[in-house]
Amino acid sequence: MKFVVNGVPSKIKLLILLAIAVMSISLASILAVLASAPGSVTAFWRLFFSLFVLLTLRPFKKPERAYFLIYPIIAGTSLGVHFTSWIESLFHASVAVSTTIVCTHALFSGLFSSFFGEKPRKIQLFGAIIALIGVYFLSGADPSSTSYGVVLALIGAIAGGVYFTTGRFVKDKIAFNSYIFLTYSFATLTTFFINLISAKNIADFLFNYPAKTWIYFILLALIPMSIGHTILNYVLRYMRALPVTTSVLGEAVGASVLAYLILGQLLPITAYLSMLVVLSGIAVVLRKA
């Protein structure tokens, strides 16, 4: 079984990496809830600590052309907004509702990617629609979720669509290591400025938390961020945006199951049936990836 052909990762390798990424990011919502800090604060420390992980693994180089910085600036700003709004939504909606809504970034990624000539195949559109239908029914499984939480998650979905689309179209412009480090750096700056605007005392707002909260910040940086999102950006360089972002809808399923096991957020049977619909749609999209 070959995992690399002519210097390009094989489809099997990419699908394995994609599965690892989805499992990794599925932990994000649980860890964020357990951290019990404001969304903007959790987003900041998640990104800040991930920068040290990246520097430890491999150094980065400056882009060959200065104007190429526009790509990590766009991606990083979008990622910062994505994390801030979505993590905050977790405190105004259940994990299942919040995560499933934010995962509709697949729809926005497909829309934005089409502007750059990456037209999805009809069968992939069909699979994405199936998955989104499943997400729609799953998002209605918890009537206690507030409209504020839903709006925050939707903002996170739109920002996520911009982030993933940008990552798809930088392959020939910026080296992978450089793009990842710069994107996470600009995302960190974005969340810092959001905190600066939100807080009366920035020092207390960012640092006044118990030890267990810091542990969750670090875990968020290590697993969903350094492993999950970094792998997703790598796979995006070799796979079309729609299959990758649609597969990320699997995060909604994984997070919902973990929310039950760890947080005790039990959903009705219809919610779990909706999860099967989501997985079916993902399978259709990936079959023609």
C-alpha atoms as a PDB file:
ATOM      1  CA  MET A   1       0.000   0.000   0.000  1.00  0.00           C
ATOM      2  CA  LYS A   2       1.593   3.234  -1.131  1.00  0.00           C
ATOM      3  CA  PHE A   3       0.948   6.368   0.902  1.00  0.00           C
ATOM      4  CA  VAL A   4       2.905   8.705  -1.371  1.00  0.00           C
ATOM      5  CA  VAL A   5       2.899   8.633  -5.179  1.00  0.00           C
ATOM      6  CA  ASN A   6       5.217  10.953  -7.126  1.00  0.00           C
ATOM      7  CA  GLY A   7       5.620  13.151  -4.075  1.00  0.00           C
ATOM      8  CA  VAL A   8       1.853  13.498  -3.586  1.00  0.00           C
ATOM      9  CA  PRO A   9       0.044  11.778  -0.676  1.00  0.00           C
ATOM     10  CA  SER A  10      -2.231   8.949  -1.803  1.00  0.00           C
ATOM     11  CA  LYS A  11      -5.987   9.128  -1.322  1.00  0.00           C
ATOM     12  CA  ILE A  12      -5.784   6.442   1.380  1.00  0.00           C
ATOM     13  CA  LYS A  13      -3.244   8.475   3.351  1.00  0.00           C
ATOM     14  CA  LEU A  14      -5.316  11.639   3.001  1.00  0.00           C
ATOM     15  CA  LEU A  15      -8.475   9.879   4.199  1.00  0.00           C
ATOM     16  CA  ILE A  16      -6.626   8.426   7.198  1.00  0.00           C
ATOM     17  CA  LEU A  17      -5.287  11.868   8.065  1.00  0.00           C
ATOM     18  CA  LEU A  18      -8.753  13.330   7.615  1.00  0.00           C
ATOM     19  CA  ALA A  19     -10.198  10.800  10.047  1.00  0.00           C
ATOM     20  CA  ILE A  20      -7.509  11.637  12.630  1.00  0.00           C
ATOM     21  CA  ALA A  21      -8.215  15.350  12.193  1.00  0.00           C
ATOM     22  CA  VAL A  22     -11.965  14.939  12.672  1.00  0.00           C
ATOM     23  CA  MET A  23     -11.474  12.818  15.800  1.00  0.00           C
ATOM     24  CA  SER A  24      -9.062  15.432  17.178  1.00  0.00           C
ATOM     25  CA  ILE A  25     -11.291  18.439  16.617  1.00  0.00           C
ATOM     26  CA  SER A  26     -14.279  16.566  18.040  1.00  0.00           C
ATOM     27  CA  LEU A  27     -12.710  17.094  21.461  1.00  0.00           C
ATOM     28  CA  ALA A  28     -12.628  20.875  21.061  1.00  0.00           C
ATOM     29  CA  SER A  29     -16.161  21.663  22.237  1.00  0.00           C
ATOM     30  CA  ILE A  30     -15.865  19.409  25.290  1.00  0.00           C
ATOM     31  CA  LEU A  31     -12.530  20.882  26.363  1.00  0.00           C
ATOM     32  CA  ALA A  32     -13.831  24.421  25.788  1.00  0.00           C
ATOM     33  CA  VAL A  33     -16.892  23.821  27.985  1.00  0.00           C
ATOM     34  CA  LEU A  34     -14.762  22.227  30.697  1.00  0.00           C
ATOM     35  CA  ALA A  35     -12.398  25.224  30.611  1.00  0.00           C
ATOM     36  CA  SER A  36     -15.350  27.450  31.625  1.00  0.00           C
ATOM     37  CA  ALA A  37     -13.694  30.636  30.359  1.00  0.00           C
ATOM     38  CA  PRO A  38     -15.117  33.272  27.979  1.00  0.00           C
ATOM     39  CA  GLY A  39     -14.999  32.220  24.334  1.00  0.00           C
ATOM     40  CA  SER A  40     -12.492  34.901  23.333  1.00  0.00           C
ATOM     41  CA  VAL A  41     -10.141  33.946  26.193  1.00  0.00           C
ATOM     42  CA  THR A  42     -10.259  30.236  25.422  1.00  0.00           C
ATOM     43  CA  ALA A  43      -9.706  30.965  21.734  1.00  0.00           C
ATOM     44  CA  PHE A  44      -6.676  33.140  22.523  1.00  0.00           C
ATOM     45  CA  TRP A  45      -4.894  30.616  24.726  1.00  0.00           C
ATOM     46  CA  ARG A  46      -5.735  27.734  22.418  1.00  0.00           C
ATOM     47  CA  LEU A  47      -3.996  29.557  19.577  1.00  0.00           C
ATOM     48  CA  PHE A  48      -1.187  31.075  21.658  1.00  0.00           C
ATOM     49  CA  PHE A  49       0.002  27.739  23.058  1.00  0.00           C
ATOM     50  CA  SER A  50      -0.250  26.078  19.637  1.00  0.00           C
ATOM     51  CA  LEU A  51       2.406  28.507  18.327  1.00  0.00           C
ATOM     52  CA  PHE A  52       4.947  27.047  20.745  1.00  0.00           C
ATOM     53  CA  VAL A  53       4.085  23.543  19.571  1.00  0.00           C
ATOM     54  CA  LEU A  54       4.685  24.558  15.958  1.00  0.00           C
ATOM     55  CA  LEU A  55       8.002  26.235  16.761  1.00  0.00           C
ATOM     56  CA  THR A  56       9.138  23.121  18.610  1.00  0.00           C
ATOM     57  CA  LEU A  57       8.332  20.821  15.694  1.00  0.00           C
ATOM     58  CA  ARG A  58       9.685  22.811  12.766  1.00  0.00           C
ATOM     59  CA  PRO A  59      10.773  26.403  12.049  1.00  0.00           C
ATOM     60  CA  PHE A  60       9.054  28.536   9.435  1.00  0.00           C
ATOM     61  CA  LYS A  61      10.383  30.729   6.653  1.00  0.00           C
ATOM     62  CA  LYS A  62       9.133  34.072   5.433  1.00  0.00           C
ATOM     63  CA  PRO A  63       6.989  33.953   2.263  1.00  0.00           C
ATOM     64  CA  GLU A  64       8.968  34.574  -0.933  1.00  0.00           C
ATOM     65  CA  ARG A  65       6.795  37.576  -1.747  1.00  0.00           C
ATOM     66  CA  ALA A  66       5.507  40.008   0.846  1.00  0.00           C
ATOM     67  CA  TYR A  67       2.041  40.314  -0.677  1.00  0.00           C
ATOM     68  CA  PHE A  68       1.511  36.578  -0.099  1.00  0.00           C
ATOM     69  CA  LEU A  69       1.020  37.538   3.562  1.00  0.00           C
ATOM     70  CA  ILE A  70      -2.525  38.516   2.635  1.00  0.00           C
ATOM     71  CA  TYR A  71      -3.495  34.818   2.662  1.00  0.00           C
ATOM     72  CA  PRO A  72      -2.505  34.015   6.267  1.00  0.00           C
ATOM     73  CA  ILE A  73      -3.868  37.418   7.325  1.00  0.00           C
ATOM     74  CA  ILE A  74      -7.293  36.587   5.857  1.00  0.00           C
ATOM     75  CA  ALA A  75      -7.207  33.009   7.120  1.00  0.00           C
ATOM     76  CA  GLY A  76      -5.929  33.986  10.568  1.00  0.00           C
ATOM     77  CA  THR A  77      -8.449  36.768  11.100  1.00  0.00           C
ATOM     78  CA  SER A  78     -11.257  34.448  10.023  1.00  0.00           C
ATOM     79  CA  LEU A  79      -9.977  31.673  12.283  1.00  0.00           C
ATOM     80  CA  GLY A  80      -9.856  34.030  15.259  1.00  0.00           C
ATOM     81  CA  VAL A  81     -13.467  35.113  14.691  1.00  0.00           C
ATOM     82  CA  HIS A  82     -14.477  31.487  14.064  1.00  0.00           C
ATOM     83  CA  PHE A  83     -13.075  30.265  17.384  1.00  0.00           C
ATOM     84  CA  THR A  84     -14.239  33.237  19.457  1.00  0.00           C
ATOM     85  CA  SER A  85     -17.862  33.188  18.294  1.00  0.00           C
ATOM     86  CA  TRP A  86     -18.220  29.411  18.259  1.00  0.00           C
ATOM     87  CA  ILE A  87     -16.660  28.751  21.677  1.00  0.00           C
ATOM     88  CA  GLU A  88     -18.830  31.483  23.212  1.00  0.00           C
ATOM     89  CA  SER A  89     -21.903  29.889  21.585  1.00  0.00           C
ATOM     90  CA  LEU A  90     -21.223  26.694  23.567  1.00  0.00           C
ATOM     91  CA  PHE A  91     -22.414  28.517  26.690  1.00  0.00           C
ATOM     92  CA  HIS A  92     -25.696  29.534  25.060  1.00  0.00           C
ATOM     93  CA  ALA A  93     -26.524  26.292  23.258  1.00  0.00           C
ATOM     94  CA  SER A  94     -25.866  22.595  23.744  1.00  0.00           C
ATOM     95  CA  VAL A  95     -22.694  21.092  22.301  1.00  0.00           C
ATOM     96  CA  ALA A  96     -24.757  19.229  19.685  1.00  0.00           C
ATOM     97  CA  VAL A  97     -26.584  22.324  18.468  1.00  0.00           C
ATOM     98  CA  SER A  98     -23.594  24.668  18.554  1.00  0.00           C
ATOM     99  CA  THR A  99     -21.180  22.251  16.884  1.00  0.00           C
ATOM    100  CA  THR A 100     -23.576  21.122  14.185  1.00  0.00           C
ATOM    101  CA  ILE A 101     -24.407  24.699  13.217  1.00  0.00           C
ATOM    102  CA  VAL A 102     -20.765  25.806  13.126  1.00  0.00           C
ATOM    103  CA  CYS A 103     -19.956  22.759  10.997  1.00  0.00           C
ATOM    104  CA  THR A 104     -22.122  24.161   8.221  1.00  0.00           C
ATOM    105  CA  HIS A 105     -18.932  25.986   7.251  1.00  0.00           C
ATOM    106  CA  ALA A 106     -18.852  23.170   4.672  1.00  0.00           C
ATOM    107  CA  LEU A 107     -21.670  24.913   2.837  1.00  0.00           C
ATOM    108  CA  PHE A 108     -19.882  28.269   2.918  1.00  0.00           C
ATOM    109  CA  SER A 109     -16.562  26.684   1.942  1.00  0.00           C
ATOM    110  CA  GLY A 110     -18.185  25.095  -1.087  1.00  0.00           C
ATOM    111  CA  LEU A 111     -19.807  28.413  -1.995  1.00  0.00           C
ATOM    112  CA  PHE A 112     -16.618  30.459  -1.590  1.00  0.00           C
ATOM    113  CA  SER A 113     -14.500  27.851  -3.403  1.00  0.00           C
ATOM    114  CA  SER A 114     -16.831  27.988  -6.397  1.00  0.00           C
ATOM    115  CA  PHE A 115     -15.873  31.645  -6.805  1.00  0.00           C
ATOM    116  CA  PHE A 116     -12.318  30.465  -7.515  1.00  0.00           C
ATOM    117  CA  GLY A 117     -13.358  27.929 -10.135  1.00  0.00           C
ATOM    118  CA  GLU A 118     -13.498  24.803  -7.951  1.00  0.00           C
ATOM    119  CA  LYS A 119     -16.909  23.573  -8.996  1.00  0.00           C
ATOM    120  CA  PRO A 120     -18.192  20.675  -6.897  1.00  0.00           C
ATOM    121  CA  ARG A 121     -19.381  17.506  -8.620  1.00  0.00           C
ATOM    122  CA  LYS A 122     -23.133  16.869  -8.625  1.00  0.00           C
ATOM    123  CA  ILE A 123     -22.774  13.760  -6.477  1.00  0.00           C
ATOM    124  CA  GLN A 124     -20.723  15.746  -3.959  1.00  0.00           C
ATOM    125  CA  LEU A 125     -23.385  18.426  -3.809  1.00  0.00           C
ATOM    126  CA  PHE A 126     -25.948  15.698  -3.214  1.00  0.00           C
ATOM    127  CA  GLY A 127     -23.850  14.241  -0.385  1.00  0.00           C
ATOM    128  CA  ALA A 128     -23.300  17.664   1.155  1.00  0.00           C
ATOM    129  CA  ILE A 129     -27.040  18.361   1.054  1.00  0.00           C
ATOM    130  CA  ILE A 130     -27.733  15.024   2.774  1.00  0.00           C
ATOM    131  CA  ALA A 131     -25.185  15.841   5.482  1.00  0.00           C
ATOM    132  CA  LEU A 132     -26.576  19.343   5.975  1.00  0.00           C
ATOM    133  CA  ILE A 133     -30.117  17.973   6.241  1.00  0.00           C
ATOM    134  CA  GLY A 134     -28.868  15.719   9.007  1.00  0.00           C
ATOM    135  CA  VAL A 135     -27.203  18.702  10.672  1.00  0.00           C
ATOM    136  CA  TYR A 136     -30.443  20.691  10.403  1.00  0.00           C
ATOM    137  CA  PHE A 137     -32.480  18.035  12.213  1.00  0.00           C
ATOM    138  CA  LEU A 138     -29.743  17.475  14.767  1.00  0.00           C
ATOM    139  CA  SER A 139     -29.564  21.191  15.536  1.00  0.00           C
ATOM    140  CA  GLY A 140     -33.242  21.165  16.486  1.00  0.00           C
ATOM    141  CA  ALA A 141     -32.791  18.388  19.010  1.00  0.00           C
ATOM    142  CA  ASP A 142     -32.360  20.787  21.929  1.00  0.00           C
ATOM    143  CA  PRO A 143     -35.149  23.393  22.281  1.00  0.00           C
ATOM    144  CA  SER A 144     -33.370  24.985  25.246  1.00  0.00           C
ATOM    145  CA  SER A 145     -30.645  26.480  23.046  1.00  0.00           C
ATOM    146  CA  THR A 146     -30.966  30.266  22.704  1.00  0.00           C
ATOM    147  CA  SER A 147     -31.161  32.252  19.491  1.00  0.00           C
ATOM    148  CA  TYR A 148     -28.039  34.149  20.611  1.00  0.00           C
ATOM    149  CA  GLY A 149     -26.108  30.900  20.725  1.00  0.00           C
ATOM    150  CA  VAL A 150     -27.385  29.924  17.292  1.00  0.00           C
ATOM    151  CA  VAL A 151     -26.333  33.286  15.797  1.00  0.00           C
ATOM    152  CA  LEU A 152     -22.870  33.029  17.333  1.00  0.00           C
ATOM    153  CA  ALA A 153     -22.443  29.534  15.906  1.00  0.00           C
ATOM    154  CA  LEU A 154     -23.593  30.748  12.481  1.00  0.00           C
ATOM    155  CA  ILE A 155     -21.042  33.583  12.558  1.00  0.00           C
ATOM    156  CA  GLY A 156     -18.443  30.946  13.378  1.00  0.00           C
ATOM    157  CA  ALA A 157     -19.610  28.893  10.386  1.00  0.00           C
ATOM    158  CA  ILE A 158     -19.241  31.784   7.924  1.00  0.00           C
ATOM    159  CA  ALA A 159     -15.806  32.710   9.289  1.00  0.00           C
ATOM    160  CA  GLY A 160     -14.812  29.049   9.145  1.00  0.00           C
ATOM    161  CA  GLY A 161     -15.818  28.925   5.500  1.00  0.00           C
ATOM    162  CA  VAL A 162     -13.443  31.795   4.694  1.00  0.00           C
ATOM    163  CA  TYR A 163     -10.650  30.146   6.709  1.00  0.00           C
ATOM    164  CA  PHE A 164     -10.910  26.757   5.007  1.00  0.00           C
ATOM    165  CA  THR A 165     -11.322  28.224   1.527  1.00  0.00           C
ATOM    166  CA  THR A 166      -8.188  30.326   1.952  1.00  0.00           C
ATOM    167  CA  GLY A 167      -6.239  27.277   3.089  1.00  0.00           C
ATOM    168  CA  ARG A 168      -7.242  25.474  -0.073  1.00  0.00           C
ATOM    169  CA  PHE A 169      -5.776  28.047  -2.457  1.00  0.00           C
ATOM    170  CA  VAL A 170      -2.328  28.792  -0.989  1.00  0.00           C
ATOM    171  CA  LYS A 171      -0.529  25.599  -1.999  1.00  0.00           C
ATOM    172  CA  ASP A 172       1.658  27.233  -4.670  1.00  0.00           C
ATOM    173  CA  LYS A 173       2.105  30.507  -2.799  1.00  0.00           C
ATOM    174  CA  ILE A 174       3.347  29.755   0.718  1.00  0.00           C
ATOM    175  CA  ALA A 175       5.133  26.719   2.172  1.00  0.00           C
ATOM    176  CA  PHE A 176       2.914  24.683   4.478  1.00  0.00           C
ATOM    177  CA  ASN A 177       4.898  25.291   7.694  1.00  0.00           C
ATOM    178  CA  SER A 178       5.040  29.020   7.051  1.00  0.00           C
ATOM    179  CA  TYR A 179       1.337  29.255   6.232  1.00  0.00           C
ATOM    180  CA  ILE A 180       0.291  27.381   9.363  1.00  0.00           C
ATOM    181  CA  PHE A 181       2.504  29.392  11.716  1.00  0.00           C
ATOM    182  CA  LEU A 182       1.542  32.742  10.201  1.00  0.00           C
ATOM    183  CA  THR A 183      -2.172  31.884  10.110  1.00  0.00           C
ATOM    184  CA  TYR A 184      -2.200  30.805  13.752  1.00  0.00           C
ATOM    185  CA  SER A 185      -0.183  33.927  14.644  1.00  0.00           C
ATOM    186  CA  PHE A 186      -2.665  36.304  13.005  1.00  0.00           C
ATOM    187  CA  ALA A 187      -5.520  34.354  14.592  1.00  0.00           C
ATOM    188  CA  THR A 188      -3.872  34.800  17.986  1.00  0.00           C
ATOM    189  CA  LEU A 189      -3.572  38.555  17.395  1.00  0.00           C
ATOM    190  CA  THR A 190      -7.225  38.710  16.319  1.00  0.00           C
ATOM    191  CA  THR A 191      -8.438  37.030  19.499  1.00  0.00           C
ATOM    192  CA  PHE A 192      -6.158  39.231  21.605  1.00  0.00           C
ATOM    193  CA  PHE A 193      -7.694  42.406  20.158  1.00  0.00           C
ATOM    194  CA  ILE A 194     -11.185  40.985  20.695  1.00  0.00           C
ATOM    195  CA  ASN A 195     -10.281  40.403  24.354  1.00  0.00           C
ATOM    196  CA  LEU A 196      -8.757  43.873  24.597  1.00  0.00           C
ATOM    197  CA  ILE A 197     -12.032  45.399  23.417  1.00  0.00           C
ATOM    198  CA  SER A 198     -14.172  43.166  25.650  1.00  0.00           C
ATOM    199  CA  ALA A 199     -12.289  43.438  28.944  1.00  0.00           C
ATOM    200  CA  LYS A 200     -12.100  46.257  31.467  1.00  0.00           C
ATOM    201  CA  ASN A 201      -9.017  44.667  33.028  1.00  0.00           C
ATOM    202  CA  ILE A 202      -7.195  42.687  30.349  1.00  0.00           C
ATOM    203  CA  ALA A 203      -4.767  41.081  32.827  1.00  0.00           C
ATOM    204  CA  ASP A 204      -7.537  39.604  35.010  1.00  0.00           C
ATOM    205  CA  PHE A 205      -9.572  38.687  31.953  1.00  0.00           C
ATOM    206  CA  LEU A 206      -6.750  36.646  30.425  1.00  0.00           C
ATOM    207  CA  PHE A 207      -4.926  35.248  33.459  1.00  0.00           C
ATOM    208  CA  ASN A 208      -7.260  34.907  36.443  1.00  0.00           C
ATOM    209  CA  TYR A 209      -8.227  31.227  36.090  1.00  0.00           C
ATOM    210  CA  PRO A 210      -7.715  28.064  38.161  1.00  0.00           C
ATOM    211  CA  ALA A 211      -5.103  25.441  37.300  1.00  0.00           C
ATOM    212  CA  LYS A 212      -7.611  23.030  35.724  1.00  0.00           C
ATOM    213  CA  THR A 213      -8.671  25.715  33.223  1.00  0.00           C
ATOM    214  CA  TRP A 214      -5.063  26.128  32.084  1.00  0.00           C
ATOM    215  CA  ILE A 215      -4.828  22.382  31.583  1.00  0.00           C
ATOM    216  CA  TYR A 216      -7.816  22.517  29.236  1.00  0.00           C
ATOM    217  CA  PHE A 217      -6.287  25.489  27.382  1.00  0.00           C
ATOM    218  CA  ILE A 218      -3.145  23.448  26.774  1.00  0.00           C
ATOM    219  CA  LEU A 219      -5.091  20.358  25.723  1.00  0.00           C
ATOM    220  CA  LEU A 220      -7.044  22.478  23.236  1.00  0.00           C
ATOM    221  CA  ALA A 221      -3.763  23.704  21.779  1.00  0.00           C
ATOM    222  CA  LEU A 222      -2.239  20.235  21.580  1.00  0.00           C
ATOM    223  CA  ILE A 223      -5.072  18.077  20.229  1.00  0.00           C
ATOM    224  CA  PRO A 224      -7.790  19.959  18.296  1.00  0.00           C
ATOM    225  CA  MET A 225      -5.421  22.752  17.223  1.00  0.00           C
ATOM    226  CA  SER A 226      -1.905  21.423  16.640  1.00  0.00           C
ATOM    227  CA  ILE A 227      -3.102  18.027  15.445  1.00  0.00           C
ATOM    228  CA  GLY A 228      -6.641  18.560  14.124  1.00  0.00           C
ATOM    229  CA  HIS A 229      -6.504  21.905  12.343  1.00  0.00           C
ATOM    230  CA  THR A 230      -2.923  21.477  11.166  1.00  0.00           C
ATOM    231  CA  ILE A 231      -3.784  18.167   9.496  1.00  0.00           C
ATOM    232  CA  LEU A 232      -6.885  19.710   7.916  1.00  0.00           C
ATOM    233  CA  ASN A 233      -4.784  22.463   6.372  1.00  0.00           C
ATOM    234  CA  TYR A 234      -2.346  19.863   5.060  1.00  0.00           C
ATOM    235  CA  VAL A 235      -5.104  17.762   3.491  1.00  0.00           C
ATOM    236  CA  LEU A 236      -6.647  20.878   1.922  1.00  0.00           C
ATOM    237  CA  ARG A 237      -3.529  21.214  -0.200  1.00  0.00           C
ATOM    238  CA  TYR A 238      -4.320  17.935  -1.951  1.00  0.00           C
ATOM    239  CA  MET A 239      -8.108  17.557  -1.759  1.00  0.00           C
ATOM    240  CA  ARG A 240     -10.919  19.817  -2.902  1.00  0.00           C
ATOM    241  CA  ALA A 241     -12.436  22.056  -0.231  1.00  0.00           C
ATOM    242  CA  LEU A 242     -15.932  20.555  -0.262  1.00  0.00           C
ATOM    243  CA  PRO A 243     -14.934  16.934   0.572  1.00  0.00           C
ATOM    244  CA  VAL A 244     -12.633  18.104   3.366  1.00  0.00           C
ATOM    245  CA  THR A 245     -15.058  20.527   4.986  1.00  0.00           C
ATOM    246  CA  THR A 246     -18.002  18.164   4.592  1.00  0.00           C
ATOM    247  CA  SER A 247     -16.066  15.432   6.380  1.00  0.00           C
ATOM    248  CA  VAL A 248     -15.532  17.900   9.229  1.00  0.00           C
ATOM    249  CA  LEU A 249     -19.285  17.671   9.764  1.00  0.00           C
ATOM    250  CA  GLY A 250     -18.327  14.425  11.474  1.00  0.00           C
ATOM    251  CA  GLU A 251     -17.142  16.654  14.327  1.00  0.00           C
ATOM    252  CA  ALA A 252     -20.794  17.314  15.132  1.00  0.00           C
ATOM    253  CA  VAL A 253     -21.389  13.607  15.604  1.00  0.00           C
ATOM    254  CA  GLY A 254     -18.235  13.005  17.616  1.00  0.00           C
ATOM    255  CA  ALA A 255     -18.792  16.048  19.807  1.00  0.00           C
ATOM    256  CA  SER A 256     -22.425  15.087  20.472  1.00  0.00           C
ATOM    257  CA  VAL A 257     -21.430  11.602  21.592  1.00  0.00           C
ATOM    258  CA  LEU A 258     -18.650  12.967  23.811  1.00  0.00           C
ATOM    259  CA  ALA A 259     -21.036  15.559  25.246  1.00  0.00           C
ATOM    260  CA  TYR A 260     -23.243  12.714  26.424  1.00  0.00           C
ATOM    261  CA  LEU A 261     -20.389  10.608  27.809  1.00  0.00           C
ATOM    262  CA  ILE A 262     -18.476  13.443  29.514  1.00  0.00           C
ATOM    263  CA  LEU A 263     -20.966  16.267  30.098  1.00  0.00           C
ATOM    264  CA  GLY A 264     -24.123  14.198  30.468  1.00  0.00           C
ATOM    265  CA  GLN A 265     -25.906  16.052  27.652  1.00  0.00           C
ATOM    266  CA  LEU A 266     -28.346  13.344  26.595  1.00  0.00           C
ATOM    267  CA  LEU A 267     -30.145  13.736  23.267  1.00  0.00           C
ATOM    268  CA  PRO A 268     -33.368  12.082  22.034  1.00  0.00           C
ATOM    269  CA  ILE A 269     -33.220   9.113  19.682  1.00  0.00           C
ATOM    270  CA  THR A 270     -34.064  11.346  16.713  1.00  0.00           C
ATOM    271  CA  ALA A 271     -30.769  13.172  17.249  1.00  0.00           C
ATOM    272  CA  TYR A 272     -28.770   9.982  16.901  1.00  0.00           C
ATOM    273  CA  LEU A 273     -30.708   9.069  13.776  1.00  0.00           C
ATOM    274  CA  SER A 274     -29.757  12.479  12.404  1.00  0.00           C
ATOM    275  CA  MET A 275     -26.110  11.644  13.082  1.00  0.00           C
ATOM    276  CA  LEU A 276     -26.453   8.616  10.802  1.00  0.00           C
ATOM    277  CA  VAL A 277     -27.780  10.898   8.074  1.00  0.00           C
ATOM    278  CA  VAL A 278     -24.769  13.205   8.518  1.00  0.00           C
ATOM    279  CA  LEU A 279     -22.348  10.278   8.236  1.00  0.00           C
ATOM    280  CA  SER A 280     -24.150   8.982   5.147  1.00  0.00           C
ATOM    281  CA  GLY A 281     -23.776  12.346   3.435  1.00  0.00           C
ATOM    282  CA  ILE A 282     -20.082  12.481   4.314  1.00  0.00           C
ATOM    283  CA  ALA A 283     -19.566   8.993   2.847  1.00  0.00           C
ATOM    284  CA  VAL A 284     -21.156  10.084  -0.448  1.00  0.00           C
ATOM    285  CA  VAL A 285     -18.941  13.178  -0.701  1.00  0.00           C
ATOM    286  CA  LEU A 286     -15.717  11.351   0.157  1.00  0.00           C
ATOM    287  CA  ARG A 287     -16.438   8.502  -2.260  1.00  0.00           C
ATOM    288  CA  LYS A 288     -15.914  10.940  -5.143  1.00  0.00           C
ATOM    289  CA  ALA A 289     -13.241  13.060  -3.441  1.00  0.00           C
END
